[in-house]
Protein backbone atom coordinates (compact mmCIF):
# COMPACT_ATOMS: atom_id res chain seq x y z
CA UNK A 1 100.96 133.71 151.89
CA UNK A 2 102.62 131.59 149.25
CA UNK A 3 105.86 129.63 149.37
CA UNK A 4 107.82 129.49 145.94
CA UNK A 5 109.02 125.92 145.56
CA UNK A 6 112.69 124.96 145.46
CA UNK A 7 112.56 121.10 145.55
CA UNK A 8 109.22 120.17 144.17
CA UNK A 9 108.60 116.58 143.02
CA UNK A 10 106.04 113.77 143.73
CA UNK A 11 106.46 113.35 147.49
CA UNK A 12 106.75 109.72 148.15
CA UNK A 13 105.76 110.02 151.81
CA UNK A 14 102.37 111.63 151.00
CA UNK A 15 101.53 109.42 147.93
CA UNK A 16 100.54 106.55 150.36
CA UNK A 17 97.15 108.21 151.10
CA UNK A 18 96.74 110.94 148.56
CA UNK A 19 95.11 109.33 145.43
CA UNK A 20 95.31 112.51 143.38
CA UNK A 21 99.08 112.42 143.07
CA UNK A 22 100.14 110.87 139.83
CA UNK A 23 103.59 109.79 138.75
CA UNK A 24 104.81 111.48 135.58
CA UNK A 25 108.27 109.94 134.57
CA UNK A 26 108.37 111.99 131.34
CA UNK A 27 108.73 115.23 133.35
CA UNK A 28 112.39 116.05 133.58
CA UNK A 29 112.49 119.38 135.30
CA UNK A 30 109.54 119.40 137.75
CA UNK A 31 110.95 122.19 139.83
CA UNK A 32 111.34 124.68 137.06
CA UNK A 33 107.83 123.78 135.66
CA UNK A 34 106.32 124.23 139.24
CA UNK A 35 108.10 127.48 139.65
CA UNK A 36 106.68 128.79 136.30
CA UNK A 37 103.30 127.75 137.27
CA UNK A 38 103.50 129.22 140.72
CA UNK A 39 104.65 132.60 139.27
CA UNK A 40 101.56 132.36 137.04
CA UNK A 41 99.35 132.07 139.96
CA UNK A 42 101.00 135.01 141.75
CA UNK A 43 100.63 137.20 138.65
CA UNK A 44 97.06 136.26 138.14
CA UNK A 45 96.20 137.07 141.75
CA UNK A 46 98.19 140.43 141.67
CA UNK A 47 96.59 141.33 138.43
CA UNK A 48 93.25 141.40 140.15
CA UNK A 49 94.61 143.55 143.12
CA UNK A 50 95.19 140.62 145.60
CA UNK A 51 98.25 141.19 147.97
CA UNK A 52 100.44 138.19 147.98
CA UNK A 53 103.28 137.67 150.36
CA UNK A 54 105.73 135.42 148.57
CA UNK A 55 108.47 133.62 150.32
CA UNK A 56 111.14 131.24 149.14
CA UNK A 57 111.20 127.50 150.10
CA UNK A 58 114.29 126.37 152.04
CA UNK A 59 116.08 124.34 149.32
CA UNK A 60 118.32 122.63 151.94
CA UNK A 61 115.37 121.35 153.85
CA UNK A 62 114.18 119.18 150.86
CA UNK A 63 110.49 119.86 151.33
CA UNK A 64 108.78 118.85 148.10
CA UNK A 65 105.33 120.03 149.22
CA UNK A 66 106.40 123.37 150.55
CA UNK A 67 104.32 125.05 148.11
CA UNK A 68 101.26 123.99 150.04
CA UNK A 69 101.71 126.06 153.24
CA UNK A 70 97.97 125.96 154.25
CA UNK A 71 98.61 122.54 155.70
CA UNK A 72 101.01 123.67 158.37
CA UNK A 73 99.71 127.05 159.33
CA UNK A 74 96.46 129.09 159.76
CA UNK A 75 96.05 132.81 160.56
CA UNK A 76 93.24 134.26 162.55
CA UNK A 77 91.62 137.73 163.01
CA UNK A 78 92.46 137.81 166.75
CA UNK A 79 96.13 137.80 166.06
CA UNK A 80 96.73 134.13 166.65
CA UNK A 81 98.38 131.56 164.42
CA UNK A 82 97.85 127.77 164.40
CA UNK A 83 100.57 125.25 163.79
CA UNK A 84 99.60 121.80 162.78
CA UNK A 85 100.60 118.11 163.10
CA UNK A 86 101.63 116.69 159.63
CA UNK A 87 101.29 113.21 158.51
CA UNK A 88 104.55 112.99 156.32
CA UNK A 89 107.80 113.40 158.34
CA UNK A 90 109.27 115.45 155.37
CA UNK A 91 106.33 117.87 155.55
CA UNK A 92 107.16 118.75 159.15
CA UNK A 93 110.23 120.47 158.00
CA UNK A 94 108.07 123.00 156.11
CA UNK A 95 106.93 124.69 159.57
CA UNK A 96 109.12 127.79 159.92
CA UNK A 97 108.35 130.10 162.81
CA UNK A 98 110.88 132.59 161.63
CA UNK A 99 108.80 133.00 158.42
CA UNK A 100 105.79 133.98 160.35
CA UNK A 101 107.69 136.64 162.25
CA UNK A 102 109.02 137.94 158.81
CA UNK A 103 105.45 138.07 157.56
CA UNK A 104 104.28 140.00 160.67
CA UNK A 105 107.23 142.45 160.24
CA UNK A 106 107.10 142.75 156.43
CA UNK A 107 103.43 143.53 156.37
CA UNK A 108 102.95 145.31 159.70
CA UNK A 109 100.70 142.70 161.03
CA UNK A 110 99.90 141.80 164.62
CA UNK A 111 101.08 138.30 165.67
CA UNK A 112 100.09 137.76 169.39
CA UNK A 113 100.28 134.15 169.87
CA UNK A 114 101.06 130.86 168.21
CA UNK A 115 98.82 127.92 169.27
CA UNK A 116 100.96 124.75 168.65
CA UNK A 117 99.10 121.53 168.07
CA UNK A 118 102.06 119.71 166.66
CA UNK A 119 102.52 117.45 169.84
CA UNK A 120 99.86 115.35 168.29
CA UNK A 121 102.47 113.82 166.00
CA UNK A 122 104.09 112.02 168.92
CA UNK A 123 100.90 110.03 168.97
CA UNK A 124 100.42 109.55 165.25
CA UNK A 125 97.46 112.04 165.33
CA UNK A 126 97.23 114.53 162.58
CA UNK A 127 95.33 117.70 161.55
CA UNK A 128 96.66 119.33 158.45
CA UNK A 129 95.44 122.91 158.81
CA UNK A 130 92.89 124.29 156.29
CA UNK A 131 93.52 121.07 154.16
CA UNK A 132 91.66 119.27 156.94
CA UNK A 133 89.63 122.01 158.26
CA UNK A 134 87.15 124.08 156.12
CA UNK A 135 86.50 127.13 158.33
CA UNK A 136 83.24 128.95 157.87
CA UNK A 137 84.42 132.05 159.49
CA UNK A 138 81.17 133.84 159.20
CA UNK A 139 79.19 131.29 161.03
CA UNK A 140 81.95 129.80 163.32
CA UNK A 141 81.78 126.22 162.02
CA UNK A 142 84.70 123.88 161.16
CA UNK A 143 83.83 121.23 158.56
CA UNK A 144 86.25 118.22 158.53
CA UNK A 145 86.26 114.96 156.69
CA UNK A 146 87.80 112.35 159.11
CA UNK A 147 90.53 110.31 157.61
CA UNK A 148 94.25 109.46 158.12
CA UNK A 149 95.36 113.16 158.18
CA UNK A 150 92.30 114.58 159.91
CA UNK A 151 91.65 113.16 163.44
CA UNK A 152 88.31 113.91 165.19
CA UNK A 153 89.87 114.50 168.61
CA UNK A 154 92.43 116.91 167.05
CA UNK A 155 89.43 118.74 165.35
CA UNK A 156 87.75 119.01 168.75
CA UNK A 157 91.01 120.40 170.29
CA UNK A 158 91.29 123.10 167.43
CA UNK A 159 87.58 124.07 167.81
CA UNK A 160 87.93 124.48 171.50
CA UNK A 161 90.99 126.70 171.00
CA UNK A 162 89.64 128.79 168.37
CA UNK A 163 85.97 128.89 169.22
CA UNK A 164 84.48 126.94 166.28
CA UNK A 165 81.74 124.37 166.12
CA UNK A 166 82.92 121.23 164.62
CA UNK A 167 80.97 119.54 161.81
CA UNK A 168 82.68 116.15 161.11
CA UNK A 169 81.72 113.53 158.47
CA UNK A 170 83.43 110.82 156.34
CA UNK A 171 83.97 111.15 152.59
CA UNK A 172 86.01 108.90 150.14
CA UNK A 173 88.55 109.53 147.61
CA UNK A 174 87.38 109.72 144.05
CA UNK A 175 90.74 108.83 142.32
CA UNK A 176 92.60 105.62 142.38
CA UNK A 177 91.35 102.02 143.03
CA UNK A 178 90.71 102.04 146.85
CA UNK A 179 87.66 103.45 148.58
CA UNK A 180 89.75 104.97 151.33
CA UNK A 181 88.75 108.16 153.33
CA UNK A 182 89.60 111.33 151.39
CA UNK A 183 92.93 112.72 152.27
CA UNK A 184 91.88 116.38 152.66
CA UNK A 185 88.60 118.00 153.10
CA UNK A 186 89.61 120.81 150.82
CA UNK A 187 89.61 118.66 147.67
CA UNK A 188 85.85 118.20 147.87
CA UNK A 189 84.50 121.24 149.86
CA UNK A 190 84.97 125.01 149.67
CA UNK A 191 83.12 127.73 151.58
CA UNK A 192 82.86 131.57 150.68
CA UNK A 193 80.92 134.37 152.21
CA UNK A 194 77.72 133.64 150.33
CA UNK A 195 78.70 130.52 148.33
CA UNK A 196 79.93 126.97 148.69
CA UNK A 197 81.10 124.13 146.54
CA UNK A 198 80.68 120.58 147.73
CA UNK A 199 80.57 117.02 146.41
CA UNK A 200 77.80 115.13 148.31
CA UNK A 201 78.23 111.77 146.24
CA UNK A 202 81.15 110.74 148.25
CA UNK A 203 79.79 110.98 151.73
CA UNK A 204 79.49 107.67 153.62
CA UNK A 205 76.41 108.42 155.49
CA UNK A 206 73.11 109.95 154.03
CA UNK A 207 72.51 111.66 157.44
CA UNK A 208 75.92 113.39 157.32
CA UNK A 209 75.31 114.43 153.79
CA UNK A 210 72.01 116.02 154.70
CA UNK A 211 73.49 117.71 157.65
CA UNK A 212 76.30 119.27 155.71
CA UNK A 213 73.98 120.43 152.97
CA UNK A 214 71.54 121.98 155.47
CA UNK A 215 74.52 123.71 157.21
CA UNK A 216 75.91 125.11 153.95
CA UNK A 217 72.54 126.31 152.70
CA UNK A 218 71.83 128.52 155.85
CA UNK A 219 72.53 132.09 154.79
CA UNK A 220 74.03 131.30 151.51
CA UNK A 221 72.61 132.19 148.09
CA UNK A 222 74.68 129.57 146.13
CA UNK A 223 75.59 125.99 146.95
CA UNK A 224 77.17 124.34 143.83
CA UNK A 225 77.06 120.66 143.99
CA UNK A 226 79.91 118.90 142.08
CA UNK A 227 80.39 115.29 140.89
CA UNK A 228 83.05 112.80 141.63
CA UNK A 229 84.68 113.47 138.12
CA UNK A 230 84.70 117.30 139.01
CA UNK A 231 86.52 116.54 142.24
CA UNK A 232 89.18 114.81 140.13
CA UNK A 233 89.40 118.11 138.15
CA UNK A 234 90.03 120.03 141.43
CA UNK A 235 86.77 121.79 141.21
CA UNK A 236 86.51 121.54 144.92
CA UNK A 237 89.84 122.99 145.60
CA UNK A 238 88.81 126.70 145.19
CA UNK A 239 89.23 129.72 147.67
CA UNK A 240 87.61 133.01 148.25
CA UNK A 241 90.19 135.85 148.36
CA UNK A 242 89.83 139.56 148.80
CA UNK A 243 91.70 142.30 146.98
CA UNK A 244 92.99 145.59 148.19
CA UNK A 245 89.67 147.37 147.19
CA UNK A 246 87.70 144.95 149.31
CA UNK A 247 86.24 143.00 146.46
CA UNK A 248 85.78 139.24 147.04
CA UNK A 249 87.09 136.90 144.29
CA UNK A 250 87.25 133.17 143.87
CA UNK A 251 90.69 131.68 142.97
CA UNK A 252 91.27 128.34 141.27
CA UNK A 253 93.31 126.49 138.70
CA UNK A 254 92.40 126.53 135.06
CA UNK A 255 91.63 122.82 135.33
CA UNK A 256 89.13 123.48 138.00
CA UNK A 257 87.52 126.35 136.02
CA UNK A 258 87.20 124.00 133.11
CA UNK A 259 85.84 121.17 135.32
CA UNK A 260 82.79 123.32 136.29
CA UNK A 261 79.82 123.43 133.82
CA UNK A 262 78.91 126.73 132.23
CA UNK A 263 75.87 126.89 134.56
CA UNK A 264 78.05 126.35 137.73
CA UNK A 265 80.52 128.95 136.75
CA UNK A 266 77.76 131.42 136.16
CA UNK A 267 76.35 130.68 139.58
CA UNK A 268 79.79 131.31 141.17
CA UNK A 269 80.26 134.35 139.04
CA UNK A 270 77.10 135.72 140.29
CA UNK A 271 78.77 135.72 143.85
CA UNK A 272 82.27 136.88 142.85
CA UNK A 273 84.60 137.07 139.81
CA UNK A 274 86.78 133.89 139.04
CA UNK A 275 90.60 133.92 138.92
CA UNK A 276 92.38 131.06 137.41
CA UNK A 277 95.78 130.03 136.06
CA UNK A 278 97.13 126.68 134.75
CA UNK A 279 99.14 124.44 137.23
CA UNK A 280 99.18 121.03 135.49
CA UNK A 281 102.53 119.94 136.87
CA UNK A 282 101.64 120.98 140.51
CA UNK A 283 98.18 119.29 140.42
CA UNK A 284 99.57 115.98 138.86
CA UNK A 285 102.66 115.48 141.01
CA UNK A 286 101.54 117.27 144.13
CA UNK A 287 97.97 116.07 144.27
CA UNK A 288 96.81 119.63 145.25
CA UNK A 289 95.68 122.70 143.40
CA UNK A 290 95.42 126.48 143.87
CA UNK A 291 93.61 126.46 147.24
CA UNK A 292 96.34 124.40 148.73
CA UNK A 293 98.90 126.86 147.59
CA UNK A 294 97.32 129.89 149.53
CA UNK A 295 97.47 130.28 153.27
CA UNK A 296 95.14 133.18 153.68
CA UNK A 297 96.17 135.82 156.21
CA UNK A 298 93.58 137.24 158.60
CA UNK A 299 95.96 138.86 161.05
CA UNK A 300 94.92 142.48 162.02
CA UNK A 301 97.08 145.41 161.24
CA UNK A 302 99.60 146.22 163.90
CA UNK A 303 98.30 149.16 165.87
CA UNK A 304 101.83 150.21 167.14
């Protein structure tokens, strides 16, 4: 599922702890540029046979980050959907249960229950979906970098509800002047069926670094280790997708594709073909990349 932006700009409420957002005063029509880049990603995915459910942002809601739906919702194979507590008040307006029901109806998918974690917001506790949680759906592990948008107790609640084993750690932002905890796990870690991409250099504790590497390596043929500089190029913000023929692919931005070395690209391509499209405005103002734009849908087909 993807949300076509209607009021995209640098979100002042998220910039306080997302060091990857950069102001660009010379950009006059950020919405039009973001829409064109968004359409390019959709076209690239569809050209490779990936089904993409596109819905429009609600322009009246003034939600500048609406094109990053993976932070407020996750979809699961048992027919359940997770709704998540968001750090920025203007991002909480992105949550639209009506959209979830439209998705279910439009694509004949089974939506059995919504598991709502948003009550954590009342306690200033946050867990921003698959930005905070990198879900190894094959092995049932939820990786999470603990920080201002990823609370350890909230991770535990998610894992109890959805039957995952938590693997938490602390990592630090690689952009900007401060050594603050990273704002989202999915900037520095991605997990596919038989591959993973991770930046180990930004872990705070050596033991946590070794534990994550060991867990990622179990049962996987390829673990690509990226540098801090490659994290800044969004090389960690990539996602495995599946097309209608059942083939696995790896989606990323053109910046991320260029940030990988030829050897790293070859290693990933040995696992799955790479799809990429340029989204410079979205990355610069939004501080997120292609993975953030994709809320992958695992809901089962409706049997009725």
